Amino acid sequence: MNITAFRLRSLREKKGLSQKDVAQRIGVTRAAYNKYESGASRPVRKLEELSALFDVTADYILGQDATPFESELHDIAPHDHNQIRKYLSLSDEGKLMVDIMLNAVHEREHRIEQNSQS
């Protein structure tokens, strides 16, 4: 996952929207939007719509401006802040490896939480 994909997913989740919701609002299919979030393609033609929807600059979405992301980090613990910085400095291959592990651990904990609530 690249920085654009990471930021799009983060912005969407922060707004509480599904991929389908975002896709409809910017005028693409859910599959096309999914490619933006997976890093398979860049949202070049939809940057204006995405910027307006998420109230950020196109440069922020593309990873060329860290200002909005940095401002969001003030509520994050220093250790977590350092971990995020490390992640952002990784190569795409390194980020993919971290994403796979993070998704697996997250799914495991989600299943455990759901089982404990049943």
N, C-alpha and C. Protein backbone atom coordinates (compact mmCIF):
# COMPACT_ATOMS: atom_id res chain seq x y z
N MET A 1 0.85 -1.17 0.00
CA MET A 1 0.00 0.00 0.00
C MET A 1 0.90 1.24 0.00
N ASN A 2 0.57 2.19 -0.85
CA ASN A 2 1.34 3.42 -0.90
C ASN A 2 0.70 4.51 -0.03
N ILE A 3 1.34 5.64 0.07
CA ILE A 3 0.86 6.71 0.95
C ILE A 3 -0.52 7.20 0.52
N THR A 4 -0.76 7.29 -0.80
CA THR A 4 -2.07 7.73 -1.28
C THR A 4 -3.14 6.75 -0.84
N ALA A 5 -2.89 5.47 -1.02
CA ALA A 5 -3.85 4.45 -0.63
C ALA A 5 -4.10 4.50 0.88
N PHE A 6 -3.03 4.61 1.64
CA PHE A 6 -3.14 4.69 3.10
C PHE A 6 -3.98 5.89 3.53
N ARG A 7 -3.71 7.04 2.94
CA ARG A 7 -4.44 8.25 3.32
C ARG A 7 -5.89 8.18 2.91
N LEU A 8 -6.18 7.66 1.72
CA LEU A 8 -7.58 7.55 1.29
C LEU A 8 -8.37 6.65 2.24
N ARG A 9 -7.79 5.52 2.60
CA ARG A 9 -8.49 4.62 3.52
C ARG A 9 -8.70 5.28 4.88
N SER A 10 -7.66 5.93 5.37
CA SER A 10 -7.75 6.60 6.66
C SER A 10 -8.80 7.71 6.64
N LEU A 11 -8.81 8.52 5.61
CA LEU A 11 -9.78 9.61 5.49
C LEU A 11 -11.20 9.07 5.39
N ARG A 12 -11.38 8.01 4.61
CA ARG A 12 -12.71 7.41 4.45
C ARG A 12 -13.21 6.85 5.77
N GLU A 13 -12.35 6.12 6.46
CA GLU A 13 -12.75 5.52 7.73
C GLU A 13 -13.06 6.59 8.77
N LYS A 14 -12.28 7.67 8.76
CA LYS A 14 -12.52 8.75 9.70
C LYS A 14 -13.90 9.38 9.49
N LYS A 15 -14.35 9.43 8.24
CA LYS A 15 -15.67 9.97 7.93
C LYS A 15 -16.78 8.94 8.13
N GLY A 16 -16.40 7.69 8.39
CA GLY A 16 -17.40 6.64 8.59
C GLY A 16 -18.11 6.23 7.30
N LEU A 17 -17.40 6.32 6.18
CA LEU A 17 -17.98 5.99 4.89
C LEU A 17 -17.48 4.64 4.41
N SER A 18 -18.31 3.97 3.63
CA SER A 18 -17.87 2.74 2.98
C SER A 18 -17.20 3.10 1.66
N GLN A 19 -16.51 2.14 1.07
CA GLN A 19 -15.92 2.38 -0.24
C GLN A 19 -17.02 2.69 -1.26
N LYS A 20 -18.14 2.02 -1.14
CA LYS A 20 -19.26 2.26 -2.05
C LYS A 20 -19.77 3.70 -1.91
N ASP A 21 -19.88 4.19 -0.67
CA ASP A 21 -20.32 5.57 -0.43
C ASP A 21 -19.40 6.57 -1.14
N VAL A 22 -18.09 6.39 -0.95
CA VAL A 22 -17.12 7.31 -1.56
C VAL A 22 -17.20 7.22 -3.07
N ALA A 23 -17.25 6.00 -3.58
CA ALA A 23 -17.32 5.80 -5.03
C ALA A 23 -18.52 6.53 -5.63
N GLN A 24 -19.67 6.39 -5.00
CA GLN A 24 -20.87 7.07 -5.50
C GLN A 24 -20.72 8.58 -5.47
N ARG A 25 -20.13 9.10 -4.41
CA ARG A 25 -19.98 10.55 -4.27
C ARG A 25 -19.01 11.16 -5.28
N ILE A 26 -18.02 10.37 -5.69
CA ILE A 26 -17.05 10.92 -6.65
C ILE A 26 -17.31 10.44 -8.08
N GLY A 27 -18.32 9.60 -8.27
CA GLY A 27 -18.71 9.20 -9.61
C GLY A 27 -17.88 8.11 -10.26
N VAL A 28 -17.46 7.12 -9.45
CA VAL A 28 -16.76 5.96 -9.99
C VAL A 28 -17.41 4.70 -9.41
N THR A 29 -17.03 3.55 -9.94
CA THR A 29 -17.53 2.30 -9.38
C THR A 29 -16.80 2.00 -8.08
N ARG A 30 -17.38 1.12 -7.27
CA ARG A 30 -16.72 0.72 -6.04
C ARG A 30 -15.41 0.02 -6.37
N ALA A 31 -15.40 -0.77 -7.43
CA ALA A 31 -14.18 -1.47 -7.83
C ALA A 31 -13.06 -0.48 -8.20
N ALA A 32 -13.43 0.59 -8.90
CA ALA A 32 -12.43 1.61 -9.26
C ALA A 32 -11.89 2.28 -8.00
N TYR A 33 -12.80 2.62 -7.07
CA TYR A 33 -12.34 3.26 -5.83
C TYR A 33 -11.47 2.30 -5.02
N ASN A 34 -11.84 1.03 -5.00
CA ASN A 34 -11.04 0.04 -4.28
C ASN A 34 -9.61 0.01 -4.80
N LYS A 35 -9.43 0.21 -6.10
CA LYS A 35 -8.08 0.24 -6.67
C LYS A 35 -7.29 1.43 -6.14
N TYR A 36 -7.96 2.54 -5.85
CA TYR A 36 -7.27 3.69 -5.26
C TYR A 36 -6.76 3.33 -3.87
N GLU A 37 -7.63 2.69 -3.08
CA GLU A 37 -7.26 2.35 -1.70
C GLU A 37 -6.27 1.19 -1.61
N SER A 38 -6.23 0.36 -2.61
CA SER A 38 -5.27 -0.75 -2.58
C SER A 38 -3.93 -0.35 -3.18
N GLY A 39 -3.89 0.80 -3.82
CA GLY A 39 -2.66 1.26 -4.44
C GLY A 39 -2.47 0.75 -5.86
N ALA A 40 -3.48 0.05 -6.39
CA ALA A 40 -3.37 -0.48 -7.75
C ALA A 40 -3.44 0.62 -8.80
N SER A 41 -4.12 1.72 -8.47
CA SER A 41 -4.14 2.87 -9.38
C SER A 41 -4.22 4.15 -8.57
N ARG A 42 -3.85 5.26 -9.21
CA ARG A 42 -3.87 6.56 -8.53
C ARG A 42 -5.10 7.34 -8.98
N PRO A 43 -5.71 8.08 -8.08
CA PRO A 43 -6.97 8.78 -8.39
C PRO A 43 -6.76 10.12 -9.10
N VAL A 44 -5.94 10.14 -10.12
CA VAL A 44 -5.55 11.39 -10.77
C VAL A 44 -6.76 12.19 -11.24
N ARG A 45 -7.70 11.54 -11.91
CA ARG A 45 -8.86 12.25 -12.46
C ARG A 45 -9.91 12.60 -11.40
N LYS A 46 -9.79 12.03 -10.23
CA LYS A 46 -10.79 12.26 -9.18
C LYS A 46 -10.23 12.99 -7.97
N LEU A 47 -9.04 13.55 -8.12
CA LEU A 47 -8.41 14.25 -6.98
C LEU A 47 -9.25 15.42 -6.48
N GLU A 48 -9.82 16.18 -7.38
CA GLU A 48 -10.61 17.34 -6.96
C GLU A 48 -11.81 16.91 -6.13
N GLU A 49 -12.51 15.88 -6.59
CA GLU A 49 -13.68 15.38 -5.86
C GLU A 49 -13.28 14.80 -4.50
N LEU A 50 -12.18 14.03 -4.49
CA LEU A 50 -11.72 13.44 -3.23
C LEU A 50 -11.27 14.52 -2.25
N SER A 51 -10.58 15.52 -2.75
CA SER A 51 -10.12 16.62 -1.89
C SER A 51 -11.30 17.33 -1.26
N ALA A 52 -12.33 17.59 -2.05
CA ALA A 52 -13.52 18.27 -1.54
C ALA A 52 -14.25 17.38 -0.53
N LEU A 53 -14.40 16.12 -0.85
CA LEU A 53 -15.11 15.19 0.04
C LEU A 53 -14.44 15.08 1.40
N PHE A 54 -13.11 14.95 1.39
CA PHE A 54 -12.36 14.74 2.62
C PHE A 54 -11.82 16.02 3.23
N ASP A 55 -12.04 17.14 2.55
CA ASP A 55 -11.60 18.45 3.04
C ASP A 55 -10.09 18.50 3.30
N VAL A 56 -9.33 18.00 2.33
CA VAL A 56 -7.87 18.05 2.37
C VAL A 56 -7.38 18.47 0.99
N THR A 57 -6.11 18.77 0.89
CA THR A 57 -5.55 19.15 -0.40
C THR A 57 -5.23 17.91 -1.24
N ALA A 58 -5.15 18.09 -2.54
CA ALA A 58 -4.74 17.00 -3.43
C ALA A 58 -3.32 16.58 -3.09
N ASP A 59 -2.47 17.54 -2.76
CA ASP A 59 -1.09 17.22 -2.38
C ASP A 59 -1.05 16.31 -1.16
N TYR A 60 -1.95 16.54 -0.22
CA TYR A 60 -2.01 15.68 0.97
C TYR A 60 -2.37 14.25 0.55
N ILE A 61 -3.39 14.10 -0.29
CA ILE A 61 -3.81 12.77 -0.74
C ILE A 61 -2.67 12.06 -1.45
N LEU A 62 -1.92 12.78 -2.26
CA LEU A 62 -0.84 12.19 -3.03
C LEU A 62 0.45 11.98 -2.21
N GLY A 63 0.44 12.42 -0.96
CA GLY A 63 1.61 12.23 -0.12
C GLY A 63 2.68 13.29 -0.30
N GLN A 64 2.35 14.37 -0.98
CA GLN A 64 3.32 15.43 -1.22
C GLN A 64 3.26 16.51 -0.15
N ASP A 65 2.26 16.45 0.71
CA ASP A 65 2.10 17.42 1.79
C ASP A 65 1.73 16.66 3.05
N ALA A 66 2.53 16.79 4.09
CA ALA A 66 2.27 16.06 5.34
C ALA A 66 1.49 16.88 6.34
N THR A 67 1.22 18.14 6.06
CA THR A 67 0.64 19.03 7.05
C THR A 67 -0.65 18.50 7.69
N PRO A 68 -1.68 18.13 6.91
CA PRO A 68 -2.89 17.63 7.57
C PRO A 68 -2.63 16.38 8.39
N PHE A 69 -1.79 15.48 7.87
CA PHE A 69 -1.52 14.25 8.60
C PHE A 69 -0.77 14.56 9.89
N GLU A 70 0.20 15.45 9.81
CA GLU A 70 0.95 15.82 11.01
C GLU A 70 0.04 16.41 12.07
N SER A 71 -0.92 17.24 11.65
CA SER A 71 -1.81 17.86 12.63
C SER A 71 -2.71 16.84 13.30
N GLU A 72 -2.99 15.74 12.62
CA GLU A 72 -3.82 14.69 13.20
C GLU A 72 -3.04 13.90 14.25
N LEU A 73 -1.73 13.96 14.20
CA LEU A 73 -0.92 13.14 15.10
C LEU A 73 -0.79 13.70 16.50
N HIS A 74 -1.28 14.91 16.76
CA HIS A 74 -1.08 15.50 18.08
C HIS A 74 -1.80 14.74 19.19
N ASP A 75 -2.84 13.96 18.86
CA ASP A 75 -3.58 13.19 19.86
C ASP A 75 -3.05 11.77 20.00
N ILE A 76 -2.01 11.44 19.28
CA ILE A 76 -1.48 10.08 19.28
C ILE A 76 -0.29 10.00 20.23
N ALA A 77 -0.22 8.90 20.96
CA ALA A 77 0.89 8.69 21.90
C ALA A 77 2.22 8.73 21.15
N PRO A 78 3.28 9.20 21.82
CA PRO A 78 4.59 9.31 21.16
C PRO A 78 5.07 8.00 20.53
N HIS A 79 4.88 6.88 21.21
CA HIS A 79 5.30 5.59 20.66
C HIS A 79 4.57 5.31 19.34
N ASP A 80 3.25 5.53 19.33
CA ASP A 80 2.47 5.29 18.12
C ASP A 80 2.88 6.25 17.01
N HIS A 81 3.17 7.48 17.38
CA HIS A 81 3.63 8.49 16.41
C HIS A 81 4.92 8.01 15.75
N ASN A 82 5.85 7.49 16.53
CA ASN A 82 7.11 6.98 15.99
C ASN A 82 6.88 5.77 15.09
N GLN A 83 5.95 4.91 15.47
CA GLN A 83 5.64 3.74 14.65
C GLN A 83 5.07 4.17 13.30
N ILE A 84 4.21 5.17 13.30
CA ILE A 84 3.63 5.67 12.06
C ILE A 84 4.73 6.26 11.18
N ARG A 85 5.61 7.03 11.77
CA ARG A 85 6.73 7.60 11.00
C ARG A 85 7.59 6.51 10.37
N LYS A 86 7.85 5.44 11.13
CA LYS A 86 8.63 4.32 10.60
C LYS A 86 7.90 3.69 9.42
N TYR A 87 6.59 3.46 9.60
CA TYR A 87 5.80 2.87 8.53
C TYR A 87 5.86 3.73 7.26
N LEU A 88 5.68 5.02 7.42
CA LEU A 88 5.67 5.91 6.26
C LEU A 88 7.02 5.98 5.56
N SER A 89 8.09 5.63 6.25
CA SER A 89 9.41 5.66 5.63
C SER A 89 9.76 4.36 4.91
N LEU A 90 8.93 3.34 5.05
CA LEU A 90 9.20 2.04 4.43
C LEU A 90 8.99 2.09 2.92
N SER A 91 9.61 1.14 2.24
CA SER A 91 9.35 0.96 0.82
C SER A 91 7.94 0.40 0.65
N ASP A 92 7.43 0.39 -0.56
CA ASP A 92 6.11 -0.18 -0.81
C ASP A 92 6.06 -1.65 -0.40
N GLU A 93 7.15 -2.37 -0.66
CA GLU A 93 7.21 -3.79 -0.26
C GLU A 93 7.18 -3.93 1.26
N GLY A 94 7.91 -3.08 1.94
CA GLY A 94 7.91 -3.11 3.40
C GLY A 94 6.54 -2.78 3.97
N LYS A 95 5.90 -1.78 3.40
CA LYS A 95 4.54 -1.42 3.84
C LYS A 95 3.57 -2.56 3.62
N LEU A 96 3.70 -3.24 2.49
CA LEU A 96 2.83 -4.37 2.20
C LEU A 96 2.99 -5.46 3.25
N MET A 97 4.23 -5.74 3.64
CA MET A 97 4.48 -6.75 4.66
C MET A 97 3.84 -6.35 6.00
N VAL A 98 3.99 -5.09 6.37
CA VAL A 98 3.39 -4.60 7.62
C VAL A 98 1.87 -4.66 7.52
N ASP A 99 1.32 -4.27 6.38
CA ASP A 99 -0.13 -4.30 6.19
C ASP A 99 -0.69 -5.70 6.35
N ILE A 100 0.00 -6.68 5.77
CA ILE A 100 -0.46 -8.07 5.87
C ILE A 100 -0.49 -8.51 7.33
N MET A 101 0.58 -8.22 8.05
CA MET A 101 0.65 -8.61 9.46
C MET A 101 -0.40 -7.86 10.28
N LEU A 102 -0.51 -6.56 10.07
CA LEU A 102 -1.47 -5.75 10.81
C LEU A 102 -2.90 -6.23 10.57
N ASN A 103 -3.23 -6.50 9.31
CA ASN A 103 -4.58 -6.99 8.99
C ASN A 103 -4.85 -8.32 9.66
N ALA A 104 -3.88 -9.21 9.68
CA ALA A 104 -4.06 -10.52 10.31
C ALA A 104 -4.27 -10.38 11.81
N VAL A 105 -3.47 -9.56 12.47
CA VAL A 105 -3.61 -9.36 13.91
C VAL A 105 -4.94 -8.67 14.22
N HIS A 106 -5.30 -7.70 13.43
CA HIS A 106 -6.56 -6.98 13.64
C HIS A 106 -7.75 -7.93 13.50
N GLU A 107 -7.74 -8.74 12.46
CA GLU A 107 -8.82 -9.71 12.26
C GLU A 107 -8.90 -10.69 13.43
N ARG A 108 -7.75 -11.16 13.89
CA ARG A 108 -7.71 -12.10 15.02
C ARG A 108 -8.33 -11.47 16.26
N GLU A 109 -7.93 -10.24 16.57
CA GLU A 109 -8.47 -9.58 17.76
C GLU A 109 -9.95 -9.27 17.60
N HIS A 110 -10.38 -8.94 16.40
CA HIS A 110 -11.80 -8.68 16.14
C HIS A 110 -12.62 -9.94 16.38
N ARG A 111 -12.11 -11.09 15.88
CA ARG A 111 -12.81 -12.36 16.10
C ARG A 111 -12.87 -12.69 17.59
N ILE A 112 -11.78 -12.48 18.31
CA ILE A 112 -11.75 -12.77 19.74
C ILE A 112 -12.78 -11.87 20.46
N GLU A 113 -12.81 -10.61 20.10
CA GLU A 113 -13.78 -9.69 20.71
C GLU A 113 -15.20 -10.09 20.43
N GLN A 114 -15.49 -10.49 19.19
CA GLN A 114 -16.84 -10.91 18.85
C GLN A 114 -17.23 -12.18 19.59
N ASN A 115 -16.28 -13.12 19.73
CA ASN A 115 -16.56 -14.36 20.46
C ASN A 115 -16.81 -14.12 21.93
N SER A 116 -16.13 -13.14 22.50
CA SER A 116 -16.31 -12.85 23.93
C SER A 116 -17.65 -12.13 24.19
N GLN A 117 -18.18 -11.49 23.16
CA GLN A 117 -19.46 -10.80 23.31
C GLN A 117 -20.64 -11.73 23.10
N SER A 118 -20.39 -12.93 22.52
CA SER A 118 -21.49 -13.86 22.24
C SER A 118 -21.84 -14.70 23.41
